[in-house]
């Protein structure tokens, strides 16, 4: 079992990052927000779990052991696969997940792509009393959520300008990797950097 990885970020695109450890690149599936927070060339530490299927070995990574624990509980619920569990962690913090389950409120889970009403209800019923999440300081999750929201707005803006979603997302990921904290904090700053990655030649070619 690979329980954690510490190494250099080689790439971070969409929900897939590659971490080099001892000369070996490990492909790790993460949430898009997590991928956006990782900068190419810097060191990262991920809590991980390896999911074995008949035809594949998939490594999933998380910011903390707490997120990993929540992920493993989610995939233990009938009807919740790894991708759906990642979707829940993209939409909700561990604290919000614990609160929803404690309140027997399945509405937040029904909003996640791939999770229907029946499965959402199963999550609250199956995990009742199983989550013991330690509350983190309010500043940390707020910063992460804000950065992810800004990145999403920039991708949407680029798509509106005519760029394909994949191209727009890649430009934002690359721009975020080299951006300062100030640049990541506002839409105009990040969109300027992303357009710099796309280049004027490409932008001009989209007018036809």
N, C-alpha and C. Protein backbone atom coordinates (compact mmCIF):
# COMPACT_ATOMS: atom_id res chain seq x y z
N UNK A 1 0.84 -1.21 0.00
CA UNK A 1 0.00 0.00 0.00
C UNK A 1 0.87 1.25 0.00
N UNK A 2 0.56 2.19 -0.88
CA UNK A 2 1.26 3.47 -0.93
C UNK A 2 0.43 4.47 -0.14
N UNK A 3 0.87 4.79 1.08
CA UNK A 3 0.06 5.63 1.96
C UNK A 3 0.37 7.11 1.84
N UNK A 4 1.52 7.45 1.25
CA UNK A 4 1.85 8.86 1.04
C UNK A 4 2.94 8.99 0.01
N UNK A 5 3.03 10.18 -0.59
CA UNK A 5 4.08 10.49 -1.55
C UNK A 5 4.63 11.87 -1.25
N UNK A 6 5.93 11.99 -1.22
CA UNK A 6 6.59 13.28 -1.12
C UNK A 6 7.58 13.39 -2.27
N UNK A 7 7.40 14.38 -3.11
CA UNK A 7 8.31 14.54 -4.23
C UNK A 7 8.02 15.80 -5.02
N UNK A 8 8.65 15.91 -6.18
CA UNK A 8 8.54 17.10 -7.02
C UNK A 8 7.35 16.99 -7.96
N UNK A 9 6.59 18.05 -8.07
CA UNK A 9 5.45 18.09 -8.98
C UNK A 9 5.97 18.26 -10.41
N UNK A 10 5.73 17.26 -11.26
CA UNK A 10 6.15 17.35 -12.66
C UNK A 10 5.07 17.97 -13.54
N UNK A 11 3.81 17.69 -13.21
CA UNK A 11 2.70 18.27 -13.97
C UNK A 11 1.45 18.23 -13.11
N UNK A 12 0.51 19.11 -13.44
CA UNK A 12 -0.78 19.16 -12.74
C UNK A 12 -1.81 19.68 -13.73
N UNK A 13 -2.58 18.76 -14.29
CA UNK A 13 -3.55 19.10 -15.32
C UNK A 13 -4.89 18.47 -14.97
N UNK A 14 -5.94 19.29 -14.93
CA UNK A 14 -7.26 18.76 -14.61
C UNK A 14 -7.29 18.19 -13.21
N UNK A 15 -7.55 16.88 -13.13
CA UNK A 15 -7.55 16.22 -11.82
C UNK A 15 -6.42 15.19 -11.71
N UNK A 16 -5.39 15.35 -12.55
CA UNK A 16 -4.27 14.41 -12.54
C UNK A 16 -2.95 15.14 -12.32
N UNK A 17 -2.19 14.70 -11.33
CA UNK A 17 -0.86 15.27 -11.10
C UNK A 17 0.16 14.15 -11.18
N UNK A 18 1.37 14.52 -11.53
CA UNK A 18 2.48 13.56 -11.58
C UNK A 18 3.53 14.02 -10.57
N UNK A 19 3.83 13.15 -9.62
CA UNK A 19 4.81 13.43 -8.57
C UNK A 19 6.02 12.54 -8.77
N UNK A 20 7.20 13.14 -8.88
CA UNK A 20 8.43 12.36 -9.05
C UNK A 20 9.03 12.04 -7.69
N UNK A 21 9.19 10.76 -7.43
CA UNK A 21 9.79 10.30 -6.18
C UNK A 21 10.91 9.33 -6.53
N UNK A 22 12.15 9.70 -6.21
CA UNK A 22 13.27 8.82 -6.49
C UNK A 22 13.44 8.49 -7.95
N UNK A 23 13.12 9.44 -8.83
CA UNK A 23 13.28 9.22 -10.27
C UNK A 23 12.09 8.55 -10.93
N UNK A 24 11.08 8.22 -10.16
CA UNK A 24 9.88 7.58 -10.70
C UNK A 24 8.71 8.55 -10.62
N UNK A 25 7.99 8.70 -11.73
CA UNK A 25 6.83 9.59 -11.75
C UNK A 25 5.56 8.83 -11.43
N UNK A 26 4.86 9.24 -10.38
CA UNK A 26 3.61 8.62 -9.99
C UNK A 26 2.44 9.48 -10.44
N UNK A 27 1.53 8.91 -11.24
CA UNK A 27 0.32 9.61 -11.65
C UNK A 27 -0.71 9.46 -10.54
N UNK A 28 -1.18 10.59 -10.03
CA UNK A 28 -2.10 10.58 -8.89
C UNK A 28 -3.35 11.38 -9.25
N UNK A 29 -4.51 10.80 -9.01
CA UNK A 29 -5.77 11.51 -9.24
C UNK A 29 -6.13 12.32 -7.99
N UNK A 30 -6.43 13.58 -8.20
CA UNK A 30 -6.77 14.50 -7.10
C UNK A 30 -7.99 15.32 -7.53
N UNK A 31 -8.49 16.16 -6.65
CA UNK A 31 -9.56 17.07 -7.05
C UNK A 31 -8.97 18.19 -7.91
N UNK A 32 -9.74 18.78 -8.82
CA UNK A 32 -9.22 19.89 -9.63
C UNK A 32 -8.69 21.04 -8.79
N UNK A 33 -9.36 21.34 -7.68
CA UNK A 33 -8.90 22.43 -6.81
C UNK A 33 -7.53 22.11 -6.22
N UNK A 34 -7.33 20.84 -5.86
CA UNK A 34 -6.04 20.43 -5.31
C UNK A 34 -4.96 20.56 -6.38
N UNK A 35 -5.28 20.13 -7.61
CA UNK A 35 -4.30 20.23 -8.70
C UNK A 35 -3.90 21.69 -8.95
N UNK A 36 -4.88 22.60 -8.88
CA UNK A 36 -4.59 24.01 -9.10
C UNK A 36 -3.69 24.60 -8.03
N UNK A 37 -3.72 24.00 -6.83
CA UNK A 37 -2.92 24.52 -5.73
C UNK A 37 -1.47 24.05 -5.78
N UNK A 38 -1.18 23.05 -6.63
CA UNK A 38 0.17 22.50 -6.73
C UNK A 38 0.95 23.21 -7.83
N UNK A 39 2.17 23.57 -7.54
CA UNK A 39 2.99 24.29 -8.52
C UNK A 39 4.08 23.37 -9.07
N UNK A 40 4.16 23.34 -10.39
CA UNK A 40 5.17 22.52 -11.05
C UNK A 40 6.57 22.94 -10.60
N UNK A 41 7.39 21.94 -10.26
CA UNK A 41 8.75 22.21 -9.82
C UNK A 41 8.92 22.32 -8.33
N UNK A 42 7.82 22.39 -7.59
CA UNK A 42 7.91 22.48 -6.13
C UNK A 42 7.65 21.10 -5.51
N UNK A 43 7.99 20.99 -4.23
CA UNK A 43 7.78 19.72 -3.54
C UNK A 43 6.35 19.66 -2.98
N UNK A 44 5.77 18.47 -3.05
CA UNK A 44 4.42 18.28 -2.52
C UNK A 44 4.38 17.01 -1.69
N UNK A 45 3.54 17.02 -0.67
CA UNK A 45 3.29 15.85 0.16
C UNK A 45 1.82 15.50 0.05
N UNK A 46 1.52 14.28 -0.39
CA UNK A 46 0.15 13.84 -0.56
C UNK A 46 -0.10 12.59 0.27
N UNK A 47 -1.23 12.56 0.96
CA UNK A 47 -1.71 11.32 1.57
C UNK A 47 -2.39 10.55 0.45
N UNK A 48 -2.11 9.27 0.30
CA UNK A 48 -2.60 8.53 -0.87
C UNK A 48 -3.22 7.19 -0.50
N UNK A 49 -4.01 6.69 -1.43
CA UNK A 49 -4.54 5.35 -1.32
C UNK A 49 -4.55 4.72 -2.71
N UNK A 50 -4.24 3.45 -2.78
CA UNK A 50 -4.19 2.73 -4.04
C UNK A 50 -5.44 1.86 -4.17
N UNK A 51 -6.20 2.08 -5.23
CA UNK A 51 -7.42 1.30 -5.46
C UNK A 51 -7.15 0.31 -6.59
N UNK A 52 -7.33 -0.95 -6.28
CA UNK A 52 -7.02 -2.04 -7.22
C UNK A 52 -8.31 -2.54 -7.86
N UNK A 53 -8.33 -2.55 -9.17
CA UNK A 53 -9.43 -3.14 -9.93
C UNK A 53 -8.86 -4.26 -10.79
N UNK A 54 -9.73 -5.04 -11.38
CA UNK A 54 -9.28 -6.17 -12.21
C UNK A 54 -8.38 -5.71 -13.35
N UNK A 55 -8.68 -4.53 -13.89
CA UNK A 55 -7.92 -4.07 -15.07
C UNK A 55 -7.11 -2.80 -14.82
N UNK A 56 -7.00 -2.37 -13.56
CA UNK A 56 -6.26 -1.13 -13.33
C UNK A 56 -5.81 -0.99 -11.88
N UNK A 57 -4.77 -0.16 -11.72
CA UNK A 57 -4.30 0.26 -10.40
C UNK A 57 -4.35 1.79 -10.41
N UNK A 58 -5.15 2.37 -9.54
CA UNK A 58 -5.33 3.81 -9.53
C UNK A 58 -4.92 4.40 -8.20
N UNK A 59 -4.08 5.44 -8.26
CA UNK A 59 -3.58 6.09 -7.05
C UNK A 59 -4.33 7.42 -6.87
N UNK A 60 -4.89 7.63 -5.68
CA UNK A 60 -5.63 8.85 -5.38
C UNK A 60 -4.91 9.60 -4.27
N UNK A 61 -4.82 10.93 -4.44
CA UNK A 61 -4.06 11.73 -3.48
C UNK A 61 -4.90 12.82 -2.83
N UNK A 62 -4.48 13.22 -1.61
CA UNK A 62 -5.25 14.18 -0.82
C UNK A 62 -4.32 15.10 -0.06
N UNK A 63 -4.86 16.27 0.33
CA UNK A 63 -4.07 17.26 1.05
C UNK A 63 -3.71 16.77 2.45
N UNK A 64 -4.54 15.92 3.03
CA UNK A 64 -4.34 15.51 4.42
C UNK A 64 -4.86 14.09 4.65
N UNK A 65 -4.42 13.51 5.77
CA UNK A 65 -4.91 12.19 6.15
C UNK A 65 -6.41 12.25 6.44
N UNK A 66 -6.87 13.41 6.88
CA UNK A 66 -8.29 13.60 7.17
C UNK A 66 -9.13 13.47 5.90
N UNK A 67 -8.70 14.12 4.82
CA UNK A 67 -9.41 14.00 3.54
C UNK A 67 -9.37 12.55 3.05
N UNK A 68 -8.23 11.91 3.19
CA UNK A 68 -8.10 10.51 2.78
C UNK A 68 -9.09 9.64 3.54
N UNK A 69 -9.20 9.85 4.84
CA UNK A 69 -10.12 9.07 5.66
C UNK A 69 -11.56 9.24 5.20
N UNK A 70 -11.95 10.49 4.88
CA UNK A 70 -13.30 10.76 4.40
C UNK A 70 -13.53 10.08 3.05
N UNK A 71 -12.53 10.14 2.17
CA UNK A 71 -12.62 9.49 0.86
C UNK A 71 -12.86 7.99 1.02
N UNK A 72 -12.10 7.35 1.90
CA UNK A 72 -12.23 5.91 2.09
C UNK A 72 -13.59 5.52 2.66
N UNK A 73 -14.14 6.39 3.50
CA UNK A 73 -15.49 6.14 4.01
C UNK A 73 -16.52 6.29 2.89
N UNK A 74 -16.34 7.29 2.06
CA UNK A 74 -17.29 7.53 0.97
C UNK A 74 -17.33 6.35 0.00
N UNK A 75 -16.16 5.83 -0.39
CA UNK A 75 -16.14 4.73 -1.36
C UNK A 75 -16.62 3.42 -0.75
N UNK A 76 -16.77 3.39 0.57
CA UNK A 76 -17.31 2.18 1.21
C UNK A 76 -18.83 2.12 1.08
N UNK A 77 -19.44 3.23 0.66
CA UNK A 77 -20.90 3.29 0.49
C UNK A 77 -21.28 2.71 -0.86
N UNK A 78 -22.27 1.85 -0.87
CA UNK A 78 -22.75 1.25 -2.11
C UNK A 78 -23.16 2.33 -3.11
N UNK A 79 -22.61 2.24 -4.33
CA UNK A 79 -22.96 3.20 -5.38
C UNK A 79 -22.03 4.38 -5.49
N UNK A 80 -21.09 4.50 -4.54
CA UNK A 80 -20.14 5.62 -4.60
C UNK A 80 -18.77 5.10 -5.04
N UNK A 81 -18.37 5.46 -6.26
CA UNK A 81 -17.06 5.07 -6.76
C UNK A 81 -16.02 6.13 -6.45
N UNK A 82 -14.76 5.86 -6.77
CA UNK A 82 -13.69 6.82 -6.49
C UNK A 82 -13.91 8.20 -7.12
N UNK A 83 -14.40 8.23 -8.36
CA UNK A 83 -14.61 9.52 -9.03
C UNK A 83 -15.71 10.32 -8.34
N UNK A 84 -16.77 9.63 -7.94
CA UNK A 84 -17.86 10.33 -7.24
C UNK A 84 -17.39 10.83 -5.88
N UNK A 85 -16.56 10.02 -5.19
CA UNK A 85 -16.04 10.42 -3.89
C UNK A 85 -15.16 11.65 -4.03
N UNK A 86 -14.34 11.70 -5.09
CA UNK A 86 -13.53 12.89 -5.35
C UNK A 86 -14.42 14.10 -5.61
N UNK A 87 -15.53 13.85 -6.33
CA UNK A 87 -16.47 14.93 -6.61
C UNK A 87 -17.05 15.52 -5.34
N UNK A 88 -17.33 14.66 -4.36
CA UNK A 88 -17.85 15.13 -3.08
C UNK A 88 -16.81 16.00 -2.39
N UNK A 89 -15.55 15.55 -2.40
CA UNK A 89 -14.48 16.31 -1.74
C UNK A 89 -14.13 17.59 -2.50
N UNK A 90 -14.46 17.64 -3.78
CA UNK A 90 -14.27 18.87 -4.53
C UNK A 90 -15.34 19.90 -4.14
N UNK A 91 -16.55 19.40 -3.90
CA UNK A 91 -17.67 20.29 -3.61
C UNK A 91 -17.78 20.68 -2.14
N UNK A 92 -17.32 19.79 -1.24
CA UNK A 92 -17.52 20.00 0.19
C UNK A 92 -16.23 19.75 0.96
N UNK A 93 -16.02 20.50 2.02
CA UNK A 93 -14.89 20.23 2.92
C UNK A 93 -15.24 19.05 3.82
N UNK A 94 -14.25 18.40 4.43
CA UNK A 94 -14.55 17.32 5.37
C UNK A 94 -15.51 17.77 6.47
N UNK A 95 -15.36 19.02 6.94
CA UNK A 95 -16.25 19.53 7.98
C UNK A 95 -17.68 19.62 7.49
N UNK A 96 -17.87 20.08 6.22
CA UNK A 96 -19.21 20.20 5.67
C UNK A 96 -19.83 18.82 5.45
N UNK A 97 -19.01 17.85 5.05
CA UNK A 97 -19.50 16.49 4.86
C UNK A 97 -19.96 15.92 6.19
N UNK A 98 -19.14 16.11 7.22
CA UNK A 98 -19.49 15.59 8.55
C UNK A 98 -20.76 16.25 9.07
N UNK A 99 -20.90 17.55 8.83
CA UNK A 99 -22.09 18.27 9.30
C UNK A 99 -23.34 17.78 8.60
N UNK A 100 -23.24 17.55 7.28
CA UNK A 100 -24.40 17.08 6.52
C UNK A 100 -24.83 15.69 6.99
N UNK A 101 -23.86 14.83 7.23
CA UNK A 101 -24.18 13.48 7.69
C UNK A 101 -24.77 13.52 9.09
N UNK A 102 -24.21 14.35 9.94
CA UNK A 102 -24.72 14.48 11.31
C UNK A 102 -26.16 14.97 11.32
N UNK A 103 -26.50 15.84 10.37
CA UNK A 103 -27.85 16.41 10.30
C UNK A 103 -28.79 15.56 9.44
N UNK A 104 -28.27 14.43 8.92
CA UNK A 104 -29.05 13.57 8.02
C UNK A 104 -29.58 14.37 6.83
N UNK A 105 -28.71 15.24 6.31
CA UNK A 105 -29.07 16.12 5.19
C UNK A 105 -28.37 15.63 3.93
N UNK A 106 -29.12 15.03 3.02
CA UNK A 106 -28.50 14.49 1.81
C UNK A 106 -28.48 15.48 0.65
N UNK A 107 -29.04 16.68 0.84
CA UNK A 107 -29.10 17.67 -0.24
C UNK A 107 -27.73 18.04 -0.81
N UNK A 108 -26.70 18.27 0.05
CA UNK A 108 -25.39 18.63 -0.52
C UNK A 108 -24.81 17.54 -1.41
N UNK A 109 -25.09 16.28 -1.12
CA UNK A 109 -24.54 15.18 -1.91
C UNK A 109 -25.28 15.02 -3.24
N UNK A 110 -26.58 15.38 -3.25
CA UNK A 110 -27.36 15.26 -4.48
C UNK A 110 -26.89 16.26 -5.53
N UNK A 111 -26.18 17.30 -5.10
CA UNK A 111 -25.68 18.31 -6.04
C UNK A 111 -24.40 17.87 -6.75
N UNK A 112 -23.81 16.77 -6.28
CA UNK A 112 -22.55 16.29 -6.86
C UNK A 112 -22.84 15.42 -8.09
N UNK A 113 -22.14 15.70 -9.18
CA UNK A 113 -22.32 14.93 -10.41
C UNK A 113 -22.06 13.45 -10.18
N UNK A 114 -22.98 12.60 -10.66
CA UNK A 114 -22.80 11.16 -10.53
C UNK A 114 -23.45 10.56 -9.30
N UNK A 115 -23.99 11.41 -8.44
CA UNK A 115 -24.65 10.91 -7.23
C UNK A 115 -26.13 11.26 -7.28
N UNK A 116 -26.96 10.22 -7.36
CA UNK A 116 -28.39 10.42 -7.41
C UNK A 116 -29.01 10.49 -6.03
N UNK A 117 -30.32 10.73 -5.95
CA UNK A 117 -31.01 10.84 -4.66
C UNK A 117 -30.85 9.61 -3.77
N UNK A 118 -30.95 8.42 -4.36
CA UNK A 118 -30.84 7.19 -3.57
C UNK A 118 -29.45 7.05 -2.95
N UNK A 119 -28.42 7.29 -3.77
CA UNK A 119 -27.05 7.18 -3.28
C UNK A 119 -26.75 8.27 -2.24
N UNK A 120 -27.27 9.46 -2.46
CA UNK A 120 -27.06 10.56 -1.51
C UNK A 120 -27.63 10.18 -0.14
N UNK A 121 -28.81 9.58 -0.14
CA UNK A 121 -29.42 9.16 1.11
C UNK A 121 -28.62 8.04 1.76
N UNK A 122 -28.10 7.13 0.94
CA UNK A 122 -27.27 6.04 1.46
C UNK A 122 -26.02 6.57 2.15
N UNK A 123 -25.45 7.65 1.64
CA UNK A 123 -24.26 8.24 2.25
C UNK A 123 -24.57 8.68 3.68
N UNK A 124 -25.67 9.41 3.85
CA UNK A 124 -25.99 9.91 5.19
C UNK A 124 -26.35 8.78 6.15
N UNK A 125 -27.02 7.74 5.63
CA UNK A 125 -27.42 6.62 6.48
C UNK A 125 -26.22 5.73 6.82
N UNK A 126 -25.41 5.41 5.80
CA UNK A 126 -24.29 4.48 5.99
C UNK A 126 -23.17 5.06 6.83
N UNK A 127 -22.96 6.38 6.74
CA UNK A 127 -21.83 6.98 7.45
C UNK A 127 -22.22 7.69 8.75
N UNK A 128 -23.47 7.56 9.12
CA UNK A 128 -23.92 8.17 10.38
C UNK A 128 -23.09 7.67 11.55
N UNK A 129 -22.50 8.59 12.30
CA UNK A 129 -21.71 8.24 13.47
C UNK A 129 -20.28 7.80 13.18
N UNK A 130 -19.89 7.80 11.89
CA UNK A 130 -18.55 7.30 11.53
C UNK A 130 -17.53 8.41 11.31
N UNK A 131 -17.99 9.65 11.16
CA UNK A 131 -17.06 10.74 10.88
C UNK A 131 -16.72 11.50 12.14
N UNK A 132 -15.43 11.62 12.38
CA UNK A 132 -14.93 12.41 13.51
C UNK A 132 -13.90 13.37 12.95
N UNK A 133 -14.36 14.49 12.41
CA UNK A 133 -13.48 15.43 11.72
C UNK A 133 -13.06 16.54 12.66
N UNK A 134 -11.75 16.78 12.75
CA UNK A 134 -11.23 17.89 13.55
C UNK A 134 -11.34 19.17 12.76
N UNK A 135 -11.98 20.18 13.34
CA UNK A 135 -12.17 21.45 12.63
C UNK A 135 -10.84 22.18 12.47
N UNK A 136 -10.57 22.61 11.26
CA UNK A 136 -9.35 23.37 10.97
C UNK A 136 -9.62 24.84 11.15
N UNK A 137 -8.56 25.65 11.08
CA UNK A 137 -8.75 27.10 11.19
C UNK A 137 -9.56 27.58 9.99
N UNK A 138 -10.42 28.58 10.16
CA UNK A 138 -11.30 28.99 9.06
C UNK A 138 -10.56 29.60 7.89
N UNK A 139 -9.35 30.16 8.12
CA UNK A 139 -8.67 30.85 7.03
C UNK A 139 -8.22 29.90 5.94
N UNK A 140 -7.75 28.69 6.30
CA UNK A 140 -7.16 27.78 5.32
C UNK A 140 -8.16 27.34 4.27
N UNK A 141 -9.32 26.75 4.65
CA UNK A 141 -10.25 26.33 3.62
C UNK A 141 -10.81 27.49 2.82
N UNK A 142 -10.99 28.66 3.46
CA UNK A 142 -11.53 29.80 2.74
C UNK A 142 -10.59 30.22 1.62
N UNK A 143 -9.29 30.22 1.90
CA UNK A 143 -8.31 30.59 0.89
C UNK A 143 -8.32 29.63 -0.29
N UNK A 144 -8.38 28.34 0.01
CA UNK A 144 -8.37 27.32 -1.03
C UNK A 144 -9.61 27.42 -1.90
N UNK A 145 -10.78 27.56 -1.25
CA UNK A 145 -12.02 27.65 -2.00
C UNK A 145 -12.03 28.90 -2.87
N UNK A 146 -11.53 30.03 -2.33
CA UNK A 146 -11.51 31.27 -3.08
C UNK A 146 -10.61 31.15 -4.31
N UNK A 147 -9.43 30.55 -4.14
CA UNK A 147 -8.51 30.39 -5.26
C UNK A 147 -9.12 29.50 -6.34
N UNK A 148 -9.79 28.43 -5.93
CA UNK A 148 -10.42 27.53 -6.88
C UNK A 148 -11.55 28.23 -7.62
N UNK A 149 -12.32 29.05 -6.90
CA UNK A 149 -13.44 29.77 -7.51
C UNK A 149 -12.93 30.77 -8.55
N UNK A 150 -11.83 31.45 -8.22
CA UNK A 150 -11.24 32.41 -9.16
C UNK A 150 -10.75 31.70 -10.41
N UNK A 151 -10.09 30.55 -10.22
CA UNK A 151 -9.59 29.78 -11.37
C UNK A 151 -10.75 29.33 -12.25
N UNK A 152 -11.85 28.90 -11.64
CA UNK A 152 -13.03 28.48 -12.40
C UNK A 152 -13.60 29.64 -13.22
N UNK A 153 -13.62 30.82 -12.62
CA UNK A 153 -14.14 32.00 -13.32
C UNK A 153 -13.27 32.36 -14.52
N UNK A 154 -11.96 32.21 -14.34
CA UNK A 154 -11.04 32.52 -15.44
C UNK A 154 -11.22 31.53 -16.59
N UNK A 155 -11.35 30.22 -16.24
CA UNK A 155 -11.58 29.21 -17.28
C UNK A 155 -12.86 29.53 -18.04
N UNK A 156 -13.92 29.86 -17.31
CA UNK A 156 -15.20 30.21 -17.94
C UNK A 156 -15.06 31.42 -18.85
N UNK A 157 -14.31 32.40 -18.40
CA UNK A 157 -14.10 33.61 -19.21
C UNK A 157 -13.36 33.28 -20.51
N UNK A 158 -12.35 32.44 -20.42
CA UNK A 158 -11.58 32.06 -21.61
C UNK A 158 -12.43 31.26 -22.58
N UNK A 159 -13.28 30.40 -22.04
CA UNK A 159 -14.20 29.64 -22.90
C UNK A 159 -15.14 30.60 -23.62
N UNK A 160 -15.59 31.63 -22.88
CA UNK A 160 -16.46 32.64 -23.48
C UNK A 160 -15.78 33.41 -24.59
N UNK A 161 -14.45 33.51 -24.52
CA UNK A 161 -13.69 34.19 -25.57
C UNK A 161 -13.41 33.29 -26.77
N UNK A 162 -13.83 32.02 -26.65
CA UNK A 162 -13.70 31.12 -27.80
C UNK A 162 -12.67 30.03 -27.67
N UNK A 163 -11.97 29.98 -26.53
CA UNK A 163 -10.97 28.94 -26.36
C UNK A 163 -11.63 27.63 -25.95
N UNK A 164 -11.13 26.49 -26.43
CA UNK A 164 -11.66 25.18 -25.99
C UNK A 164 -11.45 25.01 -24.49
N UNK A 165 -12.34 24.29 -23.83
CA UNK A 165 -12.26 24.12 -22.38
C UNK A 165 -10.92 23.52 -21.95
N UNK A 166 -10.45 22.49 -22.69
CA UNK A 166 -9.18 21.84 -22.33
C UNK A 166 -8.02 22.82 -22.42
N UNK A 167 -8.01 23.63 -23.48
CA UNK A 167 -6.94 24.62 -23.66
C UNK A 167 -6.99 25.68 -22.57
N UNK A 168 -8.20 26.14 -22.26
CA UNK A 168 -8.37 27.16 -21.23
C UNK A 168 -7.92 26.65 -19.87
N UNK A 169 -8.33 25.43 -19.54
CA UNK A 169 -7.96 24.85 -18.25
C UNK A 169 -6.45 24.69 -18.13
N UNK A 170 -5.81 24.20 -19.20
CA UNK A 170 -4.36 24.01 -19.19
C UNK A 170 -3.64 25.35 -18.99
N UNK A 171 -4.13 26.39 -19.64
CA UNK A 171 -3.51 27.72 -19.52
C UNK A 171 -3.62 28.23 -18.09
N UNK A 172 -4.78 28.01 -17.46
CA UNK A 172 -4.97 28.47 -16.09
C UNK A 172 -4.09 27.68 -15.12
N UNK A 173 -3.97 26.37 -15.33
CA UNK A 173 -3.11 25.54 -14.48
C UNK A 173 -1.66 26.01 -14.58
N UNK A 174 -1.18 26.25 -15.81
CA UNK A 174 0.20 26.68 -16.01
C UNK A 174 0.43 28.08 -15.42
N UNK A 175 -0.55 28.97 -15.61
CA UNK A 175 -0.42 30.32 -15.07
C UNK A 175 -0.41 30.29 -13.54
N UNK A 176 -1.25 29.46 -12.96
CA UNK A 176 -1.33 29.35 -11.50
C UNK A 176 -0.03 28.82 -10.91
N UNK A 177 0.63 27.94 -11.66
CA UNK A 177 1.85 27.31 -11.15
C UNK A 177 2.97 28.32 -10.93
N UNK A 178 2.96 29.41 -11.72
CA UNK A 178 4.04 30.40 -11.61
C UNK A 178 3.56 31.74 -11.04
N UNK A 179 2.29 31.80 -10.66
CA UNK A 179 1.72 33.06 -10.19
C UNK A 179 2.03 33.32 -8.73
N UNK A 180 2.04 34.58 -8.38
CA UNK A 180 2.21 34.96 -6.97
C UNK A 180 0.87 34.83 -6.26
N UNK A 181 0.89 34.92 -4.96
CA UNK A 181 -0.35 34.84 -4.18
C UNK A 181 -1.29 35.98 -4.56
N UNK A 182 -0.74 37.17 -4.82
CA UNK A 182 -1.56 38.31 -5.21
C UNK A 182 -2.24 38.08 -6.56
N UNK A 183 -1.48 37.49 -7.51
CA UNK A 183 -2.04 37.22 -8.83
C UNK A 183 -3.16 36.19 -8.77
N UNK A 184 -3.04 35.24 -7.83
CA UNK A 184 -4.05 34.19 -7.69
C UNK A 184 -5.30 34.69 -6.98
N UNK A 185 -5.24 35.87 -6.41
CA UNK A 185 -6.34 36.35 -5.58
C UNK A 185 -7.39 37.15 -6.35
N UNK A 186 -7.11 37.50 -7.61
CA UNK A 186 -8.09 38.26 -8.39
C UNK A 186 -8.24 37.69 -9.79
N UNK A 187 -9.45 37.80 -10.32
CA UNK A 187 -9.73 37.29 -11.67
C UNK A 187 -8.93 38.03 -12.74
N UNK A 188 -8.89 39.38 -12.73
CA UNK A 188 -8.15 40.09 -13.77
C UNK A 188 -6.67 39.70 -13.83
N UNK A 189 -6.04 39.54 -12.67
CA UNK A 189 -4.62 39.20 -12.65
C UNK A 189 -4.38 37.82 -13.25
N UNK A 190 -5.20 36.84 -12.84
CA UNK A 190 -5.01 35.48 -13.32
C UNK A 190 -5.36 35.35 -14.79
N UNK A 191 -6.40 36.04 -15.24
CA UNK A 191 -6.76 35.95 -16.65
C UNK A 191 -5.69 36.58 -17.52
N UNK A 192 -5.03 37.64 -17.03
CA UNK A 192 -3.94 38.26 -17.78
C UNK A 192 -2.79 37.27 -17.95
N UNK A 193 -2.46 36.55 -16.87
CA UNK A 193 -1.39 35.56 -16.94
C UNK A 193 -1.76 34.40 -17.86
N UNK A 194 -3.02 33.97 -17.79
CA UNK A 194 -3.47 32.86 -18.63
C UNK A 194 -3.43 33.24 -20.10
N UNK A 195 -3.85 34.46 -20.41
CA UNK A 195 -3.79 34.93 -21.80
C UNK A 195 -2.36 35.03 -22.28
N UNK A 196 -1.45 35.35 -21.35
CA UNK A 196 -0.03 35.39 -21.71
C UNK A 196 0.47 34.00 -22.10
N UNK A 197 -0.07 32.97 -21.43
CA UNK A 197 0.30 31.59 -21.78
C UNK A 197 -0.27 31.20 -23.14
N UNK A 198 -1.49 31.66 -23.41
CA UNK A 198 -2.13 31.31 -24.67
C UNK A 198 -1.46 32.00 -25.85
N UNK A 199 -1.04 33.27 -25.63
CA UNK A 199 -0.30 33.99 -26.65
C UNK A 199 -1.19 34.75 -27.62
N UNK A 200 -0.74 35.92 -28.06
CA UNK A 200 -1.54 36.75 -28.99
C UNK A 200 -1.78 36.07 -30.33
N UNK A 201 -0.82 35.24 -30.76
CA UNK A 201 -0.99 34.59 -32.07
C UNK A 201 -2.18 33.66 -32.05
N UNK A 202 -2.32 32.92 -30.96
CA UNK A 202 -3.44 32.01 -30.84
C UNK A 202 -4.76 32.77 -30.72
N UNK A 203 -4.74 33.86 -29.92
CA UNK A 203 -5.95 34.63 -29.72
C UNK A 203 -6.44 35.21 -31.04
N UNK A 204 -5.50 35.68 -31.85
CA UNK A 204 -5.88 36.24 -33.13
C UNK A 204 -6.48 35.20 -34.04
N UNK A 205 -6.02 33.96 -33.90
CA UNK A 205 -6.50 32.90 -34.76
C UNK A 205 -7.90 32.44 -34.40
N UNK A 206 -8.49 32.95 -33.32
CA UNK A 206 -9.80 32.50 -32.88
C UNK A 206 -10.89 33.43 -33.36
N UNK A 207 -10.52 34.44 -34.11
CA UNK A 207 -11.52 35.41 -34.56
C UNK A 207 -12.26 34.92 -35.78
N UNK A 208 -11.74 33.92 -36.47
CA UNK A 208 -12.38 33.45 -37.69
C UNK A 208 -13.56 32.56 -37.38
